[in-house]
Structures are given as structure tokens and as C-alpha cells.
């Protein structure tokens, strides 16, 4: 039996510039962190007492005798990619899917990590990220960028640069005290709306050249945000004001990014004392994060009391195997020889 633990990510700046259609020509960069909310993938080989060969448990339960009959496209394609047979897979998570935190990509990374471990193989974080990108973007044909898979695999507070050569992951060096102050200044709320990121990406058509002007400015904000974080002489509150700027830019990239209800929530948070914030993920719903000075924290919490508040801390581990108990397994076709 294998159990993997994979974090969700919080993206602050540069989202959209991680789309391959954009960064191959223009370059891109994202500033993001993972935090202490996780998905867990439990995998083992299914005992041969049943009239089905594969059992999957996520938001629904599937029991099939052929991989081709699996309805969940990511699991089906991942099993084919790594030639997995006769498994029982269970998925659990601390936060809901389709909520703007890269949950599907965390699941992809965690599933691949678990499959490799079940086969008795170690793979590094770069390979897990690369194969998760290939799994979601090519095999499953889902629209979107590359940042989620990379963040889930590597973990930590990073700047991820994108270019025609691929990507590089650069940890953002912040003192523990400044990093804690940043974390304490961020308040996250669940809006109650969920949606598929790939559907929002298609609706917004970020790959269109008409959106490139906004994406270039969003790319430039990554440099400024990183400077604010790493320069101890800079006022950390400027990070919050920059979030407001990037959120307004993001709203210009497509009608599916925001709604009247989401705009009203944002306005309420700012009036209560938040310096800025943004909806996490592609848009359309999910989680809001606000940057709030300490003296305004109680005011914002009161103003947003009808929403679910999610306390969190930054994390640095990325995906990991937290339980490893290897099994002897011989495929049926080999046993019958």
C-alpha cells in the first residue's frame, strides 16, 4: 500500500503567463506558494476476490474490469501511461475540487507519485511535474497552464520562470520573520462557487493574442512582487496593493474571470480594510485571498463572516510518499503462463 500527500497551491502573480501558447514566444513567470492543505492518494493492488479488477473511490465509486471503462479521464490516462493494473485507488482532500487551488494538478502529481512507488520506483520532482503536465494537457486534453503541476511537485514559495526551453523553479528567499508576517497578513475565504478551471480557460481564451498586452503587464508584476518580498527595506503592505493591481488586470482577460457576486465580495473586503486580493485560479469562483494589515484583520473577518474562513500556513515539502508498504504483484496474464 502507498499513500501520497500533495499540497495545494496559492498563486499570487503571473497567472496566465504559464500558458504554453504564451510563454513559448513571450516568456512567462509566476510567483506562488504551496500551503498546508493537501490531497491524499491511497493506492494498492486489488485482491483477486472480486468480479472487477479496478476500484476507484473519489467523489464517486467506480468498479471496472477494463481500464478503458474508467470514467475519470485523469486516472484512466495515468493508468495507461504507467501500465498500472488491478489497483484500488482512494482520493481524499482537505479542500474541495474545482476551487482554484490547482486541486486537479495536485491529484495528478500525487497519483503519479503513488503509482511509481507501487511499482517500486523513485522519480524526482521534475519528472513528476513534467509527466503531470503531459497527462493533463496532452493525454486528457485539458486547457490550462503549467504552474499548478510544478508547484504541487516541488512545493515551497517559488518564482517559476517559463521560456521556449521549458521552465525553472527558483525559491524566493525571505527571512522566516518576514515570511510569517506575510502569511499572517493573508486571509483566505471560500466563495462557495466551484467550477472547472479548464472550462474557464477555454471561455477566456487566454491564448488569444488580444490578451497578450494584459499578460505582459501581469508578467512584469512578478518582478516587482519578488522585489517587495526579498528587499527588507520595502514595505510589505505594497505586496497587498500590488495584488489589487493584478486582480484588476486579470479581470480584463475574460468575462469568465469574475461575476457581479464575486466583484461585490471583493469590494466588501477592501472596504473593510484589505489592501488588495485576488480570486485564486482561473476565475469564476472558488477561494478569495486578501492581504490585510494586522490592525484591520478583525474588521475584514467580520465583514466576510458569511463566507468560510480557511486558516493556513505556508509549506515547503511538495508531493511526498507518507506511507510505503511494498507488495508482491504478478499480472494475471503472467500468472497464467
Protein backbone atom coordinates (compact mmCIF):
# COMPACT_ATOMS: atom_id res chain seq x y z
CA UNK A 1 0.00 0.00 0.00
CA UNK A 2 1.15 3.53 -0.86
CA UNK A 3 -0.15 6.85 0.45
CA UNK A 4 0.99 10.14 -1.06
CA UNK A 5 0.41 13.62 0.35
CA UNK A 6 0.46 16.51 -2.14
CA UNK A 7 -0.10 20.21 -1.31
CA UNK A 8 -2.39 22.70 -2.99
CA UNK A 9 -1.00 25.95 -4.32
CA UNK A 10 -1.77 29.64 -3.97
CA UNK A 11 -0.78 31.72 -6.98
CA UNK A 12 -0.17 35.43 -6.44
CA UNK A 13 1.26 36.91 -9.65
CA UNK A 14 1.83 35.93 -13.27
CA UNK A 15 -1.07 33.52 -13.72
CA UNK A 16 -1.84 33.11 -17.41
CA UNK A 17 1.76 33.66 -18.49
CA UNK A 18 2.32 29.96 -17.76
CA UNK A 19 0.18 29.05 -20.78
CA UNK A 20 2.39 27.35 -23.37
CA UNK A 21 0.78 29.31 -26.20
CA UNK A 22 2.04 32.48 -24.50
CA UNK A 23 5.38 31.71 -22.87
CA UNK A 24 6.99 29.85 -25.79
CA UNK A 25 7.10 33.18 -27.62
CA UNK A 26 6.99 35.78 -24.84
CA UNK A 27 8.40 34.09 -21.76
CA UNK A 28 6.47 33.99 -18.52
CA UNK A 29 6.81 33.89 -14.75
CA UNK A 30 4.64 33.02 -11.77
CA UNK A 31 5.03 33.80 -8.08
CA UNK A 32 3.27 31.19 -5.96
CA UNK A 33 3.42 29.10 -2.81
CA UNK A 34 2.08 25.82 -1.57
CA UNK A 35 0.31 25.72 1.79
CA UNK A 36 -0.72 23.20 4.39
CA UNK A 37 -3.85 21.82 2.75
CA UNK A 38 -3.35 18.56 0.90
CA UNK A 39 -4.81 15.80 -1.21
CA UNK A 40 -4.09 12.19 -0.30
CA UNK A 41 -3.90 9.32 -2.78
CA UNK A 42 -4.02 5.79 -1.38
CA UNK A 43 -3.13 3.02 -3.87
CA UNK A 44 -2.71 -0.74 -3.52
CA UNK A 45 -3.19 -3.75 -5.73
CA UNK A 46 -6.75 -5.04 -5.56
CA UNK A 47 -7.06 -8.51 -4.02
CA UNK A 48 -8.34 -11.03 -6.58
CA UNK A 49 -11.61 -11.90 -4.83
CA UNK A 50 -13.89 -9.71 -6.93
CA UNK A 51 -15.53 -9.83 -10.34
CA UNK A 52 -13.89 -6.49 -11.19
CA UNK A 53 -10.18 -5.70 -11.47
CA UNK A 54 -10.04 -1.99 -10.60
CA UNK A 55 -11.80 0.00 -7.88
CA UNK A 56 -11.66 3.78 -7.65
CA UNK A 57 -13.10 6.00 -4.94
CA UNK A 58 -13.16 9.79 -5.33
CA UNK A 59 -16.38 11.84 -5.46
CA UNK A 60 -17.93 8.66 -6.85
CA UNK A 61 -17.02 4.97 -6.88
CA UNK A 62 -16.05 3.05 -10.00
CA UNK A 63 -15.56 -0.70 -10.31
CA UNK A 64 -14.44 -1.89 -13.73
CA UNK A 65 -12.82 -4.88 -15.43
CA UNK A 66 -11.17 -2.82 -18.19
CA UNK A 67 -9.13 0.36 -17.89
CA UNK A 68 -10.93 1.67 -20.97
CA UNK A 69 -14.17 1.65 -18.98
CA UNK A 70 -12.86 4.07 -16.32
CA UNK A 71 -14.87 7.28 -16.47
CA UNK A 72 -12.34 9.52 -14.69
CA UNK A 73 -10.10 10.68 -17.57
CA UNK A 74 -7.06 11.51 -15.44
CA UNK A 75 -7.00 8.16 -13.65
CA UNK A 76 -7.67 6.28 -16.88
CA UNK A 77 -4.85 8.01 -18.74
CA UNK A 78 -2.44 7.80 -15.79
CA UNK A 79 -3.00 4.05 -15.51
CA UNK A 80 -2.35 3.62 -19.22
CA UNK A 81 0.72 5.88 -19.10
CA UNK A 82 2.39 3.83 -16.36
CA UNK A 83 0.82 0.46 -17.25
CA UNK A 84 -0.95 0.11 -13.89
CA UNK A 85 -3.15 -2.95 -13.43
CA UNK A 86 -5.53 -4.29 -10.81
CA UNK A 87 -5.49 -1.41 -8.35
CA UNK A 88 -7.66 0.10 -5.68
CA UNK A 89 -7.29 3.89 -5.51
CA UNK A 90 -8.82 6.22 -2.93
CA UNK A 91 -8.69 10.01 -3.09
CA UNK A 92 -9.26 12.38 -0.16
CA UNK A 93 -8.61 16.10 0.18
CA UNK A 94 -8.66 18.87 2.76
CA UNK A 95 -10.38 21.28 0.36
CA UNK A 96 -12.95 20.84 -2.44
CA UNK A 97 -12.08 20.23 -6.07
CA UNK A 98 -12.67 22.83 -8.79
CA UNK A 99 -11.92 25.66 -6.36
CA UNK A 100 -8.96 27.48 -7.92
CA UNK A 101 -6.17 25.90 -5.87
CA UNK A 102 -4.75 23.60 -8.53
CA UNK A 103 -6.53 20.61 -6.99
CA UNK A 104 -6.68 18.56 -10.18
CA UNK A 105 -2.96 19.02 -10.77
CA UNK A 106 -2.15 18.10 -7.17
CA UNK A 107 -4.19 14.95 -7.73
CA UNK A 108 -2.30 14.25 -10.97
CA UNK A 109 1.09 14.67 -9.27
CA UNK A 110 0.07 12.67 -6.21
CA UNK A 111 -1.37 9.86 -8.33
CA UNK A 112 1.75 9.54 -10.48
CA UNK A 113 3.91 9.61 -7.35
CA UNK A 114 1.81 6.81 -5.82
CA UNK A 115 1.86 4.71 -9.00
CA UNK A 116 5.65 4.91 -9.27
CA UNK A 117 6.03 3.99 -5.60
CA UNK A 118 3.71 1.00 -6.03
CA UNK A 119 5.98 -0.15 -8.87
CA UNK A 120 8.97 0.25 -6.54
CA UNK A 121 10.40 3.20 -8.47
CA UNK A 122 11.64 6.57 -7.23
CA UNK A 123 11.20 9.56 -9.52
CA UNK A 124 12.31 13.12 -8.82
CA UNK A 125 10.06 16.17 -8.57
CA UNK A 126 10.98 17.45 -12.05
CA UNK A 127 9.87 14.22 -13.70
CA UNK A 128 6.63 14.16 -11.71
CA UNK A 129 5.87 17.74 -12.76
CA UNK A 130 6.72 17.06 -16.41
CA UNK A 131 4.61 13.91 -16.58
CA UNK A 132 1.68 15.55 -14.78
CA UNK A 133 1.75 18.38 -17.35
CA UNK A 134 1.79 15.81 -20.17
CA UNK A 135 -1.01 13.84 -18.51
CA UNK A 136 -3.36 16.79 -18.06
CA UNK A 137 -2.55 18.96 -21.04
CA UNK A 138 -1.88 16.30 -23.71
CA UNK A 139 -3.43 12.98 -22.74
CA UNK A 140 -6.53 14.49 -21.11
CA UNK A 141 -6.63 17.49 -23.47
CA UNK A 142 -7.45 19.96 -20.69
CA UNK A 143 -6.79 23.65 -21.28
CA UNK A 144 -4.54 25.46 -18.83
CA UNK A 145 -1.00 26.38 -17.88
CA UNK A 146 1.92 24.57 -16.31
CA UNK A 147 2.29 26.25 -12.93
CA UNK A 148 -0.06 24.00 -10.90
CA UNK A 149 1.73 20.74 -11.61
CA UNK A 150 5.13 22.30 -10.93
CA UNK A 151 4.05 23.87 -7.64
CA UNK A 152 2.44 20.63 -6.42
CA UNK A 153 5.52 18.59 -7.24
CA UNK A 154 8.20 20.96 -5.87
CA UNK A 155 6.37 22.69 -3.02
CA UNK A 156 7.54 25.88 -1.31
CA UNK A 157 7.42 29.60 -2.10
CA UNK A 158 8.84 29.93 -5.61
CA UNK A 159 9.26 32.02 -8.68
CA UNK A 160 8.71 29.77 -11.69
CA UNK A 161 10.14 31.12 -14.96
CA UNK A 162 8.85 29.89 -18.32
CA UNK A 163 10.59 30.16 -21.68
CA UNK A 164 10.97 28.41 -25.02
CA UNK A 165 13.31 26.00 -23.21
CA UNK A 166 10.69 24.99 -20.63
CA UNK A 167 10.77 26.15 -17.02
CA UNK A 168 12.95 26.67 -13.97
CA UNK A 169 11.96 26.75 -10.30
CA UNK A 170 13.67 29.40 -8.15
CA UNK A 171 12.90 29.50 -4.41
CA UNK A 172 12.11 33.00 -3.15
CA UNK A 173 14.48 33.76 -0.29
CA UNK A 174 12.64 35.52 2.54
CA UNK A 175 13.59 35.69 6.20
CA UNK A 176 11.41 33.48 8.43
CA UNK A 177 10.08 36.55 10.25
CA UNK A 178 9.08 38.35 7.04
CA UNK A 179 7.57 35.19 5.60
CA UNK A 180 5.47 34.69 8.74
CA UNK A 181 4.31 38.29 8.61
CA UNK A 182 3.22 37.78 5.00
CA UNK A 183 1.34 34.60 5.87
CA UNK A 184 -0.35 36.29 8.84
CA UNK A 185 -1.45 39.14 6.55
CA UNK A 186 -3.23 36.83 4.11
CA UNK A 187 -6.84 35.81 4.77
CA UNK A 188 -8.48 33.16 2.61
CA UNK A 189 -12.23 32.65 2.18
CA UNK A 190 -14.29 30.13 0.26
CA UNK A 191 -16.84 31.80 -2.00
CA UNK A 192 -18.95 28.67 -2.29
CA UNK A 193 -18.71 28.61 -6.06
CA UNK A 194 -16.80 25.83 -7.80
CA UNK A 195 -16.01 25.33 -11.48
CA UNK A 196 -13.67 23.50 -13.83
CA UNK A 197 -10.52 25.58 -14.43
CA UNK A 198 -10.17 24.18 -17.95
CA UNK A 199 -13.67 25.45 -18.83
CA UNK A 200 -12.83 28.95 -17.57
CA UNK A 201 -9.54 28.88 -19.51
CA UNK A 202 -11.38 27.98 -22.72
CA UNK A 203 -14.02 30.65 -22.14
CA UNK A 204 -11.42 33.34 -21.50
CA UNK A 205 -9.22 32.21 -24.43
CA UNK A 206 -6.03 33.43 -22.79
CA UNK A 207 -4.05 32.06 -25.69
CA UNK A 208 -5.51 34.74 -27.98
CA UNK A 209 -3.09 37.49 -28.93
CA UNK A 210 -5.70 40.07 -27.92
CA UNK A 211 -4.94 39.20 -24.28
CA UNK A 212 -1.15 39.44 -24.61
CA UNK A 213 -0.93 43.10 -23.51
CA UNK A 214 -2.52 42.31 -20.13
CA UNK A 215 -0.41 39.15 -19.78
CA UNK A 216 2.81 41.10 -20.40
CA UNK A 217 1.95 43.55 -17.63
CA UNK A 218 0.99 40.68 -15.31
CA UNK A 219 4.37 39.13 -16.12
CA UNK A 220 6.17 42.36 -15.19
CA UNK A 221 4.40 42.48 -11.82
CA UNK A 222 6.20 39.26 -10.81
CA UNK A 223 9.50 41.18 -10.72
CA UNK A 224 8.02 43.93 -8.57
CA UNK A 225 6.32 41.49 -6.19
CA UNK A 226 9.52 39.47 -5.75
CA UNK A 227 11.46 42.67 -5.06
CA UNK A 228 8.98 43.68 -2.34
CA UNK A 229 9.29 40.29 -0.67
CA UNK A 230 13.07 39.99 -0.76
CA UNK A 231 14.03 43.64 -0.06
CA UNK A 232 13.85 44.02 3.72
CA UNK A 233 13.67 47.81 3.29
CA UNK A 234 10.42 47.54 1.29
CA UNK A 235 7.04 47.98 2.92
CA UNK A 236 5.39 44.56 2.83
CA UNK A 237 1.99 46.26 2.51
CA UNK A 238 2.97 47.11 -1.08
CA UNK A 239 2.54 43.40 -1.82
CA UNK A 240 -1.14 43.78 -0.95
CA UNK A 241 -1.58 46.85 -3.12
CA UNK A 242 0.09 45.01 -5.99
CA UNK A 243 -2.42 42.17 -5.57
CA UNK A 244 -5.20 44.69 -6.18
CA UNK A 245 -3.47 45.79 -9.37
CA UNK A 246 -3.01 42.25 -10.72
CA UNK A 247 -6.61 41.34 -9.86
CA UNK A 248 -7.90 44.28 -11.91
CA UNK A 249 -5.65 43.24 -14.79
CA UNK A 250 -6.85 39.66 -14.58
CA UNK A 251 -10.49 40.77 -14.71
CA UNK A 252 -9.69 42.31 -18.11
CA UNK A 253 -8.54 38.98 -19.56
CA UNK A 254 -12.01 37.45 -19.83
CA UNK A 255 -15.64 37.73 -18.78
CA UNK A 256 -15.46 34.32 -17.08
CA UNK A 257 -12.84 35.51 -14.57
CA UNK A 258 -15.31 37.30 -12.32
CA UNK A 259 -19.03 37.80 -11.73
CA UNK A 260 -21.13 40.52 -10.12
CA UNK A 261 -21.28 38.42 -6.93
CA UNK A 262 -17.51 37.97 -6.83
CA UNK A 263 -16.93 41.67 -7.52
CA UNK A 264 -19.28 42.52 -4.63
CA UNK A 265 -17.35 40.22 -2.29
CA UNK A 266 -14.08 41.85 -3.29
CA UNK A 267 -15.44 45.36 -2.78
CA UNK A 268 -16.73 44.36 0.66
CA UNK A 269 -13.30 43.05 1.68
CA UNK A 270 -11.50 46.19 0.50
CA UNK A 271 -13.97 48.49 2.25
CA UNK A 272 -13.36 46.56 5.48
CA UNK A 273 -9.62 47.20 5.26
CA UNK A 274 -7.98 44.77 2.84
CA UNK A 275 -5.29 46.46 0.73
CA UNK A 276 -5.85 44.05 -2.12
CA UNK A 277 -6.53 40.47 -3.02
CA UNK A 278 -7.49 38.14 -5.80
CA UNK A 279 -9.54 35.16 -6.72
CA UNK A 280 -7.26 32.14 -6.84
CA UNK A 281 -7.03 30.09 -10.02
CA UNK A 282 -8.50 30.69 -13.46
CA UNK A 283 -11.50 32.60 -12.10
CA UNK A 284 -15.23 32.10 -11.90
CA UNK A 285 -15.33 31.04 -8.25
CA UNK A 286 -13.51 29.17 -5.53
CA UNK A 287 -11.27 30.92 -3.00
CA UNK A 288 -10.51 34.59 -2.40
CA UNK A 289 -7.29 35.64 -0.70
CA UNK A 290 -6.97 39.14 0.78
CA UNK A 291 -3.90 40.98 2.04
CA UNK A 292 -4.93 42.62 5.30
CA UNK A 293 -2.79 44.73 7.69
CA UNK A 294 -2.89 43.34 11.26
CA UNK A 295 -4.94 46.23 12.60
CA UNK A 296 -7.70 45.58 10.03
CA UNK A 297 -7.83 41.81 10.40
CA UNK A 298 -10.83 41.65 12.74
CA UNK A 299 -12.74 44.13 10.59
CA UNK A 300 -12.27 42.04 7.43
CA UNK A 301 -13.11 38.78 9.22
CA UNK A 302 -16.35 40.38 10.46
CA UNK A 303 -17.22 41.77 7.03
CA UNK A 304 -16.72 38.36 5.39
CA UNK A 305 -18.33 36.34 8.20
CA UNK A 306 -20.89 34.80 5.83
CA UNK A 307 -18.04 33.05 3.99
CA UNK A 308 -15.99 30.11 5.25
CA UNK A 309 -12.61 31.35 6.53
CA UNK A 310 -9.68 28.96 5.90
CA UNK A 311 -6.64 29.41 8.18
CA UNK A 312 -3.40 28.18 6.61
CA UNK A 313 0.38 28.16 6.83
CA UNK A 314 2.93 28.01 4.02
CA UNK A 315 4.57 24.62 3.41
CA UNK A 316 7.80 23.56 1.70
CA UNK A 317 7.60 19.82 1.09
CA UNK A 318 5.78 19.35 -2.19
CA UNK A 319 4.46 15.89 -3.01
CA UNK A 320 5.75 13.06 -0.83
CA UNK A 321 5.14 9.41 -0.02
CA UNK A 322 3.99 9.29 3.60
CA UNK A 323 3.32 5.54 3.78
CA UNK A 324 5.21 2.88 1.85
CA UNK A 325 4.48 -0.82 2.18
CA UNK A 326 5.62 -2.65 -0.97
CA UNK A 327 3.60 -5.56 -2.36
CA UNK A 328 4.42 -8.60 -4.42
CA UNK A 329 2.41 -8.38 -7.63
CA UNK A 330 2.34 -10.54 -10.72
CA UNK A 331 -0.06 -9.51 -13.51
CA UNK A 332 -2.77 -12.06 -14.29
CA UNK A 333 -1.51 -12.70 -17.81
CA UNK A 334 1.93 -13.62 -16.46
CA UNK A 335 0.49 -15.88 -13.74
CA UNK A 336 -1.42 -17.79 -16.41
CA UNK A 337 1.66 -18.63 -18.49
